[in-house]
Amino acid sequence: MSSDQPHIDAEQFLANLVDFRYREVMMAAATLAVAAGAIVFFPGMDNVTKGLQSDVSGGLLALFVVVAVVAGAVKGMIGFGYALITTPIFASVIDPTLAVAVLAIPPWMLNMFQVGETDTGLAFVREEWVLLVLAVIGTVIGVTFLARFRAGPIVPFLIGLVIFGYVLFQVAQNFVTVQEAHHPVALSVAGFLQGFLLAVANLGPLLPTYFHTFERDVERYIGGLSMVLGTIFTVRIVQMLFFTDLLTPYRLWLGSVIAVVTVVGLLVGTYLRRLEIDEAKFNWFVVGLLFLISLNIFRNTVPALFL
């Protein structure tokens, strides 16, 4: 798992951007979009924390930033994990529905950035259009559900069970990998459920676990996953912004700010991914991360459900 160019060539990047190369344009557009949101929707210094809740301090916002940067680095390394890390932590401190709305912005930027960075484009769309369509349908249904009902801790708890079960399965089977297997029905169902779960709880492990098991081309694995997730988050943001009251100007600003600082972590993770990585270590890192995420989800949901 390596790349021929682990180092970032800023001069070449700018030259390609001026030439409107797809890869550089996508990466720059994703970053500039959230930077613009952080500026345009700035609520003023006196209102920096007022859009959250009364007990959220500036120090807690700083902690959110640190968590977001670390999660961004993980996303840059393995192609997923940002929402799985940030959502349980954010939702344990602020209202879960608020956390889901705010955390729609950073993953959108991250995934659109990686669509460009991995040079994933129309070829993937042509090959997996059914997956994308079903992911969009699942997202629309999930946002509608979130706008009308409070999901509570049951959905994250069930997601935690799925993640934990997958970890046990992979460890017991000594990391099952199926080289470039393609199961259209299973993949499409995973995409639909991914869209729904991301919309409802900002947690969606099904598609990443599917790709991790069946897709061993790392660039396609990360690029394809980012294409699907980028599509899901685009639909989520549009629907929440124009058809519900979930995404207010303040939430847009906060999500954009978190996304801007997350770029630092993303660049670090991308650099680490381009270095030579042993596949066994990569597998252990992914499964270990999922195991810790499942424990964190259980920590936040089991007391509310059973105690």
C-alpha atoms as a PDB file:
ATOM      1  CA  MET A   1       0.000   0.000   0.000  1.00  0.00           C
ATOM      2  CA  SER A   2       2.120   2.787  -1.214  1.00  0.00           C
ATOM      3  CA  SER A   3       2.145   5.741  -3.515  1.00  0.00           C
ATOM      4  CA  ASP A   4       4.832   6.987  -5.841  1.00  0.00           C
ATOM      5  CA  GLN A   5       4.525  10.516  -4.429  1.00  0.00           C
ATOM      6  CA  PRO A   6       4.271  10.532  -0.631  1.00  0.00           C
ATOM      7  CA  HIS A   7       5.365  14.182  -0.457  1.00  0.00           C
ATOM      8  CA  ILE A   8       3.208  17.161  -1.372  1.00  0.00           C
ATOM      9  CA  ASP A   9       4.552  19.239  -4.276  1.00  0.00           C
ATOM     10  CA  ALA A  10       2.931  22.641  -3.654  1.00  0.00           C
ATOM     11  CA  GLU A  11       4.318  24.187  -6.851  1.00  0.00           C
ATOM     12  CA  GLN A  12       2.983  21.362  -9.021  1.00  0.00           C
ATOM     13  CA  PHE A  13      -0.356  21.488  -7.203  1.00  0.00           C
ATOM     14  CA  LEU A  14      -0.754  25.196  -7.968  1.00  0.00           C
ATOM     15  CA  ALA A  15       0.263  24.671 -11.590  1.00  0.00           C
ATOM     16  CA  ASN A  16      -2.333  21.917 -12.005  1.00  0.00           C
ATOM     17  CA  LEU A  17      -4.946  24.062 -10.256  1.00  0.00           C
ATOM     18  CA  VAL A  18      -4.329  26.925 -12.679  1.00  0.00           C
ATOM     19  CA  ASP A  19      -4.730  24.413 -15.522  1.00  0.00           C
ATOM     20  CA  PHE A  20      -8.075  23.330 -13.986  1.00  0.00           C
ATOM     21  CA  ARG A  21      -7.001  19.732 -13.484  1.00  0.00           C
ATOM     22  CA  TYR A  22      -9.852  17.705 -11.966  1.00  0.00           C
ATOM     23  CA  ARG A  23      -7.897  16.412  -8.986  1.00  0.00           C
ATOM     24  CA  GLU A  24      -6.596  19.775  -7.781  1.00  0.00           C
ATOM     25  CA  VAL A  25      -9.827  21.643  -8.537  1.00  0.00           C
ATOM     26  CA  MET A  26     -11.882  19.203  -6.428  1.00  0.00           C
ATOM     27  CA  MET A  27      -9.479  19.422  -3.490  1.00  0.00           C
ATOM     28  CA  ALA A  28      -9.332  23.224  -3.599  1.00  0.00           C
ATOM     29  CA  ALA A  29     -13.086  23.656  -4.103  1.00  0.00           C
ATOM     30  CA  ALA A  30     -13.922  21.473  -1.096  1.00  0.00           C
ATOM     31  CA  THR A  31     -11.523  23.409   1.144  1.00  0.00           C
ATOM     32  CA  LEU A  32     -12.571  26.856  -0.095  1.00  0.00           C
ATOM     33  CA  ALA A  33     -16.264  26.044   0.296  1.00  0.00           C
ATOM     34  CA  VAL A  34     -15.972  25.446   4.051  1.00  0.00           C
ATOM     35  CA  ALA A  35     -13.555  28.362   4.459  1.00  0.00           C
ATOM     36  CA  ALA A  36     -16.153  30.624   2.845  1.00  0.00           C
ATOM     37  CA  GLY A  37     -18.851  29.227   5.143  1.00  0.00           C
ATOM     38  CA  ALA A  38     -16.710  29.945   8.202  1.00  0.00           C
ATOM     39  CA  ILE A  39     -16.407  33.581   7.106  1.00  0.00           C
ATOM     40  CA  VAL A  40     -19.874  34.294   5.691  1.00  0.00           C
ATOM     41  CA  PHE A  41     -21.849  32.775   8.574  1.00  0.00           C
ATOM     42  CA  PHE A  42     -19.637  34.044  11.426  1.00  0.00           C
ATOM     43  CA  PRO A  43     -22.098  35.027  14.201  1.00  0.00           C
ATOM     44  CA  GLY A  44     -19.836  37.556  15.964  1.00  0.00           C
ATOM     45  CA  MET A  45     -17.544  37.063  18.942  1.00  0.00           C
ATOM     46  CA  ASP A  46     -20.375  37.503  21.449  1.00  0.00           C
ATOM     47  CA  ASN A  47     -22.370  34.676  19.872  1.00  0.00           C
ATOM     48  CA  VAL A  48     -19.668  32.063  19.300  1.00  0.00           C
ATOM     49  CA  THR A  49     -21.155  29.615  21.828  1.00  0.00           C
ATOM     50  CA  LYS A  50     -24.746  30.881  22.023  1.00  0.00           C
ATOM     51  CA  GLY A  51     -25.985  28.693  19.194  1.00  0.00           C
ATOM     52  CA  LEU A  52     -25.173  25.526  21.145  1.00  0.00           C
ATOM     53  CA  GLN A  53     -26.316  25.437  24.751  1.00  0.00           C
ATOM     54  CA  SER A  54     -25.601  27.430  27.868  1.00  0.00           C
ATOM     55  CA  ASP A  55     -23.070  25.045  29.425  1.00  0.00           C
ATOM     56  CA  VAL A  56     -20.794  24.828  26.370  1.00  0.00           C
ATOM     57  CA  SER A  57     -17.614  26.816  27.015  1.00  0.00           C
ATOM     58  CA  GLY A  58     -14.857  28.026  24.773  1.00  0.00           C
ATOM     59  CA  GLY A  59     -12.606  25.323  26.224  1.00  0.00           C
ATOM     60  CA  LEU A  60     -15.078  22.644  25.200  1.00  0.00           C
ATOM     61  CA  LEU A  61     -15.191  24.055  21.683  1.00  0.00           C
ATOM     62  CA  ALA A  62     -11.380  23.813  21.640  1.00  0.00           C
ATOM     63  CA  LEU A  63     -11.674  20.137  22.621  1.00  0.00           C
ATOM     64  CA  PHE A  64     -14.082  19.634  19.717  1.00  0.00           C
ATOM     65  CA  VAL A  65     -11.426  21.062  17.411  1.00  0.00           C
ATOM     66  CA  VAL A  66      -8.750  18.648  18.699  1.00  0.00           C
ATOM     67  CA  VAL A  67     -11.068  15.664  18.288  1.00  0.00           C
ATOM     68  CA  ALA A  68     -11.948  16.803  14.759  1.00  0.00           C
ATOM     69  CA  VAL A  69      -8.275  17.103  13.742  1.00  0.00           C
ATOM     70  CA  VAL A  70      -7.469  13.607  15.049  1.00  0.00           C
ATOM     71  CA  ALA A  71     -10.538  12.164  13.310  1.00  0.00           C
ATOM     72  CA  GLY A  72      -9.504  13.952  10.102  1.00  0.00           C
ATOM     73  CA  ALA A  73      -6.090  12.274  10.250  1.00  0.00           C
ATOM     74  CA  VAL A  74      -7.755   8.880  10.624  1.00  0.00           C
ATOM     75  CA  LYS A  75     -10.016   9.641   7.661  1.00  0.00           C
ATOM     76  CA  GLY A  76      -7.010  10.601   5.560  1.00  0.00           C
ATOM     77  CA  MET A  77      -5.255   7.337   6.420  1.00  0.00           C
ATOM     78  CA  ILE A  78      -8.020   4.763   5.970  1.00  0.00           C
ATOM     79  CA  GLY A  79     -10.871   6.506   4.126  1.00  0.00           C
ATOM     80  CA  PHE A  80     -13.453   6.495   6.917  1.00  0.00           C
ATOM     81  CA  GLY A  81     -13.812   6.943  10.657  1.00  0.00           C
ATOM     82  CA  TYR A  82     -14.393  10.697  10.947  1.00  0.00           C
ATOM     83  CA  ALA A  83     -18.079  10.588  11.847  1.00  0.00           C
ATOM     84  CA  LEU A  84     -17.634   7.371  13.831  1.00  0.00           C
ATOM     85  CA  ILE A  85     -15.108   9.136  16.077  1.00  0.00           C
ATOM     86  CA  THR A  86     -16.570  12.639  16.350  1.00  0.00           C
ATOM     87  CA  THR A  87     -20.298  11.922  16.615  1.00  0.00           C
ATOM     88  CA  PRO A  88     -20.320   9.834  19.834  1.00  0.00           C
ATOM     89  CA  ILE A  89     -18.003  12.363  21.512  1.00  0.00           C
ATOM     90  CA  PHE A  90     -19.911  15.459  20.384  1.00  0.00           C
ATOM     91  CA  ALA A  91     -23.316  13.896  21.115  1.00  0.00           C
ATOM     92  CA  SER A  92     -22.256  13.038  24.663  1.00  0.00           C
ATOM     93  CA  VAL A  93     -21.818  16.763  25.388  1.00  0.00           C
ATOM     94  CA  ILE A  94     -24.366  18.580  23.203  1.00  0.00           C
ATOM     95  CA  ASP A  95     -27.816  17.665  21.916  1.00  0.00           C
ATOM     96  CA  PRO A  96     -27.441  14.601  19.608  1.00  0.00           C
ATOM     97  CA  THR A  97     -29.667  16.098  16.888  1.00  0.00           C
ATOM     98  CA  LEU A  98     -27.581  19.270  16.958  1.00  0.00           C
ATOM     99  CA  ALA A  99     -24.397  17.204  16.732  1.00  0.00           C
ATOM    100  CA  VAL A 100     -25.726  15.273  13.725  1.00  0.00           C
ATOM    101  CA  ALA A 101     -26.625  18.520  11.922  1.00  0.00           C
ATOM    102  CA  VAL A 102     -23.331  20.306  12.645  1.00  0.00           C
ATOM    103  CA  LEU A 103     -21.239  17.256  11.766  1.00  0.00           C
ATOM    104  CA  ALA A 104     -22.744  17.015   8.287  1.00  0.00           C
ATOM    105  CA  ILE A 105     -20.397  19.748   7.050  1.00  0.00           C
ATOM    106  CA  PRO A 106     -16.878  18.435   7.881  1.00  0.00           C
ATOM    107  CA  PRO A 107     -17.450  14.937   6.398  1.00  0.00           C
ATOM    108  CA  TRP A 108     -18.785  16.531   3.209  1.00  0.00           C
ATOM    109  CA  MET A 109     -15.560  18.503   2.831  1.00  0.00           C
ATOM    110  CA  LEU A 110     -13.382  15.515   3.710  1.00  0.00           C
ATOM    111  CA  ASN A 111     -15.057  13.188   1.248  1.00  0.00           C
ATOM    112  CA  MET A 112     -15.141  15.680  -1.627  1.00  0.00           C
ATOM    113  CA  PHE A 113     -11.440  16.382  -0.953  1.00  0.00           C
ATOM    114  CA  GLN A 114     -10.639  12.672  -1.126  1.00  0.00           C
ATOM    115  CA  VAL A 115     -12.720  12.198  -4.276  1.00  0.00           C
ATOM    116  CA  GLY A 116     -10.264  14.609  -5.881  1.00  0.00           C
ATOM    117  CA  GLU A 117      -7.171  13.376  -4.065  1.00  0.00           C
ATOM    118  CA  THR A 118      -7.744   9.771  -5.185  1.00  0.00           C
ATOM    119  CA  ASP A 119      -8.754  10.951  -8.688  1.00  0.00           C
ATOM    120  CA  THR A 120     -12.104   9.166  -8.458  1.00  0.00           C
ATOM    121  CA  GLY A 121     -14.525  10.419 -11.087  1.00  0.00           C
ATOM    122  CA  LEU A 122     -17.207   9.515 -13.595  1.00  0.00           C
ATOM    123  CA  ALA A 123     -15.826   6.018 -14.164  1.00  0.00           C
ATOM    124  CA  PHE A 124     -16.848   5.021 -10.646  1.00  0.00           C
ATOM    125  CA  VAL A 125     -20.260   6.661 -11.089  1.00  0.00           C
ATOM    126  CA  ARG A 126     -20.880   4.675 -14.277  1.00  0.00           C
ATOM    127  CA  GLU A 127     -19.862   1.428 -12.596  1.00  0.00           C
ATOM    128  CA  GLU A 128     -21.735   1.916  -9.315  1.00  0.00           C
ATOM    129  CA  TRP A 129     -24.685   4.160 -10.191  1.00  0.00           C
ATOM    130  CA  VAL A 130     -27.184   1.812  -8.510  1.00  0.00           C
ATOM    131  CA  LEU A 131     -25.210   2.067  -5.268  1.00  0.00           C
ATOM    132  CA  LEU A 132     -25.247   5.873  -5.470  1.00  0.00           C
ATOM    133  CA  VAL A 133     -28.976   6.057  -6.254  1.00  0.00           C
ATOM    134  CA  LEU A 134     -29.931   3.796  -3.336  1.00  0.00           C
ATOM    135  CA  ALA A 135     -27.587   5.697  -1.011  1.00  0.00           C
ATOM    136  CA  VAL A 136     -29.380   8.940  -1.968  1.00  0.00           C
ATOM    137  CA  ILE A 137     -32.817   7.352  -1.366  1.00  0.00           C
ATOM    138  CA  GLY A 138     -31.701   6.099   2.043  1.00  0.00           C
ATOM    139  CA  THR A 139     -30.373   9.560   2.884  1.00  0.00           C
ATOM    140  CA  VAL A 140     -33.628  11.342   1.965  1.00  0.00           C
ATOM    141  CA  ILE A 141     -35.634   8.909   4.096  1.00  0.00           C
ATOM    142  CA  GLY A 142     -33.179   9.287   6.984  1.00  0.00           C
ATOM    143  CA  VAL A 143     -33.229  13.110   6.984  1.00  0.00           C
ATOM    144  CA  THR A 144     -37.035  13.087   6.889  1.00  0.00           C
ATOM    145  CA  PHE A 145     -37.053  10.705   9.864  1.00  0.00           C
ATOM    146  CA  LEU A 146     -34.564  12.876  11.788  1.00  0.00           C
ATOM    147  CA  ALA A 147     -36.639  16.024  11.176  1.00  0.00           C
ATOM    148  CA  ARG A 148     -39.799  14.387  12.574  1.00  0.00           C
ATOM    149  CA  PHE A 149     -38.548  12.076  15.308  1.00  0.00           C
ATOM    150  CA  ARG A 150     -35.796  11.874  17.889  1.00  0.00           C
ATOM    151  CA  ALA A 151     -33.861   8.689  17.249  1.00  0.00           C
ATOM    152  CA  GLY A 152     -32.558   8.459  20.803  1.00  0.00           C
ATOM    153  CA  PRO A 153     -29.754   6.073  21.814  1.00  0.00           C
ATOM    154  CA  ILE A 154     -31.198   2.933  20.194  1.00  0.00           C
ATOM    155  CA  VAL A 155     -29.834   3.627  16.694  1.00  0.00           C
ATOM    156  CA  PRO A 156     -26.239   4.316  17.826  1.00  0.00           C
ATOM    157  CA  PHE A 157     -26.440   1.239  20.087  1.00  0.00           C
ATOM    158  CA  LEU A 158     -27.466  -1.001  17.171  1.00  0.00           C
ATOM    159  CA  ILE A 159     -24.680   0.486  15.067  1.00  0.00           C
ATOM    160  CA  GLY A 160     -22.248  -0.270  17.880  1.00  0.00           C
ATOM    161  CA  LEU A 161     -23.411  -3.900  17.845  1.00  0.00           C
ATOM    162  CA  VAL A 162     -22.804  -4.106  14.096  1.00  0.00           C
ATOM    163  CA  ILE A 163     -19.292  -2.685  14.458  1.00  0.00           C
ATOM    164  CA  PHE A 164     -18.453  -4.952  17.397  1.00  0.00           C
ATOM    165  CA  GLY A 165     -19.757  -8.019  15.569  1.00  0.00           C
ATOM    166  CA  TYR A 166     -17.654  -7.165  12.525  1.00  0.00           C
ATOM    167  CA  VAL A 167     -14.539  -6.812  14.678  1.00  0.00           C
ATOM    168  CA  LEU A 168     -15.102 -10.230  16.261  1.00  0.00           C
ATOM    169  CA  PHE A 169     -15.733 -11.793  12.847  1.00  0.00           C
ATOM    170  CA  GLN A 170     -12.561 -10.377  11.288  1.00  0.00           C
ATOM    171  CA  VAL A 171     -10.331 -11.330  14.224  1.00  0.00           C
ATOM    172  CA  ALA A 172     -11.824 -14.849  14.457  1.00  0.00           C
ATOM    173  CA  GLN A 173     -11.381 -15.398  10.702  1.00  0.00           C
ATOM    174  CA  ASN A 174      -7.882 -13.875  10.650  1.00  0.00           C
ATOM    175  CA  PHE A 175      -9.000 -10.943   8.463  1.00  0.00           C
ATOM    176  CA  VAL A 176     -11.122 -12.261   5.644  1.00  0.00           C
ATOM    177  CA  THR A 177     -10.300 -10.540   2.362  1.00  0.00           C
ATOM    178  CA  VAL A 178     -11.933 -11.304  -0.955  1.00  0.00           C
ATOM    179  CA  GLN A 179      -9.959  -9.864  -3.844  1.00  0.00           C
ATOM    180  CA  GLU A 180     -12.126  -7.498  -5.910  1.00  0.00           C
ATOM    181  CA  ALA A 181     -15.323  -9.461  -5.268  1.00  0.00           C
ATOM    182  CA  HIS A 182     -18.409  -7.717  -6.569  1.00  0.00           C
ATOM    183  CA  HIS A 183     -21.861  -8.411  -5.170  1.00  0.00           C
ATOM    184  CA  PRO A 184     -24.199  -5.741  -6.639  1.00  0.00           C
ATOM    185  CA  VAL A 185     -27.213  -6.545  -4.441  1.00  0.00           C
ATOM    186  CA  ALA A 186     -25.264  -6.653  -1.171  1.00  0.00           C
ATOM    187  CA  LEU A 187     -23.316  -3.532  -2.106  1.00  0.00           C
ATOM    188  CA  SER A 188     -26.493  -1.630  -3.000  1.00  0.00           C
ATOM    189  CA  VAL A 189     -28.240  -2.648   0.237  1.00  0.00           C
ATOM    190  CA  ALA A 190     -25.180  -1.509   2.194  1.00  0.00           C
ATOM    191  CA  GLY A 191     -25.327   1.817   0.348  1.00  0.00           C
ATOM    192  CA  PHE A 192     -29.022   2.325   1.148  1.00  0.00           C
ATOM    193  CA  LEU A 193     -28.525   1.550   4.838  1.00  0.00           C
ATOM    194  CA  GLN A 194     -25.388   3.705   4.889  1.00  0.00           C
ATOM    195  CA  GLY A 195     -27.378   6.701   3.653  1.00  0.00           C
ATOM    196  CA  PHE A 196     -30.174   6.150   6.159  1.00  0.00           C
ATOM    197  CA  LEU A 197     -27.918   5.619   9.183  1.00  0.00           C
ATOM    198  CA  LEU A 198     -25.685   8.592   8.360  1.00  0.00           C
ATOM    199  CA  ALA A 199     -28.751  10.820   8.053  1.00  0.00           C
ATOM    200  CA  VAL A 200     -30.328   9.624  11.300  1.00  0.00           C
ATOM    201  CA  ALA A 201     -27.297   9.209  13.562  1.00  0.00           C
ATOM    202  CA  ASN A 202     -24.242  10.405  11.574  1.00  0.00           C
ATOM    203  CA  LEU A 203     -22.907   6.874  12.056  1.00  0.00           C
ATOM    204  CA  GLY A 204     -22.678   4.420   9.181  1.00  0.00           C
ATOM    205  CA  PRO A 205     -20.229   1.520   9.412  1.00  0.00           C
ATOM    206  CA  LEU A 206     -21.861  -0.810   6.879  1.00  0.00           C
ATOM    207  CA  LEU A 207     -20.357   0.455   3.636  1.00  0.00           C
ATOM    208  CA  PRO A 208     -16.835   0.949   5.063  1.00  0.00           C
ATOM    209  CA  THR A 209     -16.864  -2.590   6.460  1.00  0.00           C
ATOM    210  CA  TYR A 210     -18.123  -3.938   3.135  1.00  0.00           C
ATOM    211  CA  PHE A 211     -15.351  -2.183   1.205  1.00  0.00           C
ATOM    212  CA  HIS A 212     -12.771  -3.248   3.778  1.00  0.00           C
ATOM    213  CA  THR A 213     -13.749  -6.884   3.262  1.00  0.00           C
ATOM    214  CA  PHE A 214     -14.237  -6.986  -0.493  1.00  0.00           C
ATOM    215  CA  GLU A 215     -12.157  -4.176  -2.037  1.00  0.00           C
ATOM    216  CA  ARG A 216      -8.399  -4.428  -1.601  1.00  0.00           C
ATOM    217  CA  ASP A 217      -7.355  -1.720  -4.080  1.00  0.00           C
ATOM    218  CA  VAL A 218      -6.669   1.037  -1.533  1.00  0.00           C
ATOM    219  CA  GLU A 219      -7.110   3.989  -3.882  1.00  0.00           C
ATOM    220  CA  ARG A 220     -10.413   2.600  -5.216  1.00  0.00           C
ATOM    221  CA  TYR A 221     -11.421   1.611  -1.690  1.00  0.00           C
ATOM    222  CA  ILE A 222     -10.904   5.127  -0.361  1.00  0.00           C
ATOM    223  CA  GLY A 223     -11.931   6.985  -3.521  1.00  0.00           C
ATOM    224  CA  GLY A 224     -15.098   4.945  -4.083  1.00  0.00           C
ATOM    225  CA  LEU A 225     -16.113   5.188  -0.447  1.00  0.00           C
ATOM    226  CA  SER A 226     -15.520   8.940  -0.533  1.00  0.00           C
ATOM    227  CA  MET A 227     -17.630   9.287  -3.677  1.00  0.00           C
ATOM    228  CA  VAL A 228     -20.584   7.544  -2.035  1.00  0.00           C
ATOM    229  CA  LEU A 229     -20.198   9.356   1.283  1.00  0.00           C
ATOM    230  CA  GLY A 230     -19.707  12.711  -0.476  1.00  0.00           C
ATOM    231  CA  THR A 231     -22.960  12.138  -2.371  1.00  0.00           C
ATOM    232  CA  ILE A 232     -24.783  11.209   0.826  1.00  0.00           C
ATOM    233  CA  PHE A 233     -23.571  14.271   2.713  1.00  0.00           C
ATOM    234  CA  THR A 234     -24.383  16.569  -0.212  1.00  0.00           C
ATOM    235  CA  VAL A 235     -27.988  15.330  -0.237  1.00  0.00           C
ATOM    236  CA  ARG A 236     -28.143  15.609   3.565  1.00  0.00           C
ATOM    237  CA  ILE A 237     -26.960  19.207   3.610  1.00  0.00           C
ATOM    238  CA  VAL A 238     -29.288  20.321   0.797  1.00  0.00           C
ATOM    239  CA  GLN A 239     -32.289  18.617   2.378  1.00  0.00           C
ATOM    240  CA  MET A 240     -31.583  19.887   5.905  1.00  0.00           C
ATOM    241  CA  LEU A 241     -30.918  23.412   4.636  1.00  0.00           C
ATOM    242  CA  PHE A 242     -33.901  23.892   2.339  1.00  0.00           C
ATOM    243  CA  PHE A 243     -36.528  21.423   3.552  1.00  0.00           C
ATOM    244  CA  THR A 244     -36.083  21.291   7.348  1.00  0.00           C
ATOM    245  CA  ASP A 245     -35.010  23.608  10.170  1.00  0.00           C
ATOM    246  CA  LEU A 246     -32.100  21.374  11.189  1.00  0.00           C
ATOM    247  CA  LEU A 247     -29.305  23.416   9.572  1.00  0.00           C
ATOM    248  CA  THR A 248     -29.395  27.014  10.813  1.00  0.00           C
ATOM    249  CA  PRO A 249     -26.826  29.690   9.836  1.00  0.00           C
ATOM    250  CA  TYR A 250     -25.067  29.195  13.174  1.00  0.00           C
ATOM    251  CA  ARG A 251     -24.810  25.439  12.648  1.00  0.00           C
ATOM    252  CA  LEU A 252     -23.508  26.020   9.144  1.00  0.00           C
ATOM    253  CA  TRP A 253     -20.820  28.318  10.576  1.00  0.00           C
ATOM    254  CA  LEU A 254     -19.809  25.900  13.330  1.00  0.00           C
ATOM    255  CA  GLY A 255     -19.680  22.948  10.951  1.00  0.00           C
ATOM    256  CA  SER A 256     -17.592  24.974   8.490  1.00  0.00           C
ATOM    257  CA  VAL A 257     -15.135  26.046  11.211  1.00  0.00           C
ATOM    258  CA  ILE A 258     -14.686  22.442  12.362  1.00  0.00           C
ATOM    259  CA  ALA A 259     -14.190  21.416   8.733  1.00  0.00           C
ATOM    260  CA  VAL A 260     -11.496  24.069   8.165  1.00  0.00           C
ATOM    261  CA  VAL A 261      -9.387  22.927  11.110  1.00  0.00           C
ATOM    262  CA  THR A 262      -9.982  19.301  10.155  1.00  0.00           C
ATOM    263  CA  VAL A 263      -8.049  19.929   6.924  1.00  0.00           C
ATOM    264  CA  VAL A 264      -4.862  19.846   9.002  1.00  0.00           C
ATOM    265  CA  GLY A 265      -5.582  16.328  10.194  1.00  0.00           C
ATOM    266  CA  LEU A 266      -6.665  15.235   6.729  1.00  0.00           C
ATOM    267  CA  LEU A 267      -3.379  16.352   5.171  1.00  0.00           C
ATOM    268  CA  VAL A 268      -1.390  14.536   7.867  1.00  0.00           C
ATOM    269  CA  GLY A 269      -3.397  11.346   7.380  1.00  0.00           C
ATOM    270  CA  THR A 270      -3.098  11.562   3.592  1.00  0.00           C
ATOM    271  CA  TYR A 271       0.677  11.886   3.868  1.00  0.00           C
ATOM    272  CA  LEU A 272       0.877   8.856   6.175  1.00  0.00           C
ATOM    273  CA  ARG A 273      -1.294   6.802   3.804  1.00  0.00           C
ATOM    274  CA  ARG A 274       1.021   7.532   0.877  1.00  0.00           C
ATOM    275  CA  LEU A 275       3.954   6.055   2.749  1.00  0.00           C
ATOM    276  CA  GLU A 276       4.473   2.318   2.507  1.00  0.00           C
ATOM    277  CA  ILE A 277       2.025   0.603   4.855  1.00  0.00           C
ATOM    278  CA  ASP A 278       2.070  -3.108   5.653  1.00  0.00           C
ATOM    279  CA  GLU A 279      -1.367  -4.619   4.877  1.00  0.00           C
ATOM    280  CA  ALA A 280      -1.466  -6.626   8.120  1.00  0.00           C
ATOM    281  CA  LYS A 281      -0.802  -3.487  10.156  1.00  0.00           C
ATOM    282  CA  PHE A 282      -3.433  -1.629   8.117  1.00  0.00           C
ATOM    283  CA  ASN A 283      -6.009  -4.328   8.921  1.00  0.00           C
ATOM    284  CA  TRP A 284      -5.182  -4.298  12.618  1.00  0.00           C
ATOM    285  CA  PHE A 285      -5.401  -0.504  12.678  1.00  0.00           C
ATOM    286  CA  VAL A 286      -8.832  -0.499  11.013  1.00  0.00           C
ATOM    287  CA  VAL A 287     -10.255  -3.244  13.222  1.00  0.00           C
ATOM    288  CA  GLY A 288      -8.690  -1.789  16.370  1.00  0.00           C
ATOM    289  CA  LEU A 289     -10.185   1.594  15.577  1.00  0.00           C
ATOM    290  CA  LEU A 290     -13.625   0.060  15.006  1.00  0.00           C
ATOM    291  CA  PHE A 291     -13.328  -1.818  18.303  1.00  0.00           C
ATOM    292  CA  LEU A 292     -12.573   1.387  20.231  1.00  0.00           C
ATOM    293  CA  ILE A 293     -15.418   3.177  18.455  1.00  0.00           C
ATOM    294  CA  SER A 294     -17.863   0.436  19.396  1.00  0.00           C
ATOM    295  CA  LEU A 295     -16.787   0.628  23.047  1.00  0.00           C
ATOM    296  CA  ASN A 296     -17.259   4.408  23.016  1.00  0.00           C
ATOM    297  CA  ILE A 297     -20.741   4.020  21.525  1.00  0.00           C
ATOM    298  CA  PHE A 298     -21.666   1.454  24.184  1.00  0.00           C
ATOM    299  CA  ARG A 299     -20.325   3.773  26.896  1.00  0.00           C
ATOM    300  CA  ASN A 300     -22.704   6.488  25.763  1.00  0.00           C
ATOM    301  CA  THR A 301     -25.773   4.388  24.975  1.00  0.00           C
ATOM    302  CA  VAL A 302     -25.903   1.422  27.393  1.00  0.00           C
ATOM    303  CA  PRO A 303     -26.561   3.557  30.524  1.00  0.00           C
ATOM    304  CA  ALA A 304     -29.407   5.383  28.751  1.00  0.00           C
ATOM    305  CA  LEU A 305     -30.998   2.165  27.497  1.00  0.00           C
ATOM    306  CA  PHE A 306     -30.480  -0.356  30.278  1.00  0.00           C
ATOM    307  CA  LEU A 307     -29.527   1.442  33.505  1.00  0.00           C
END
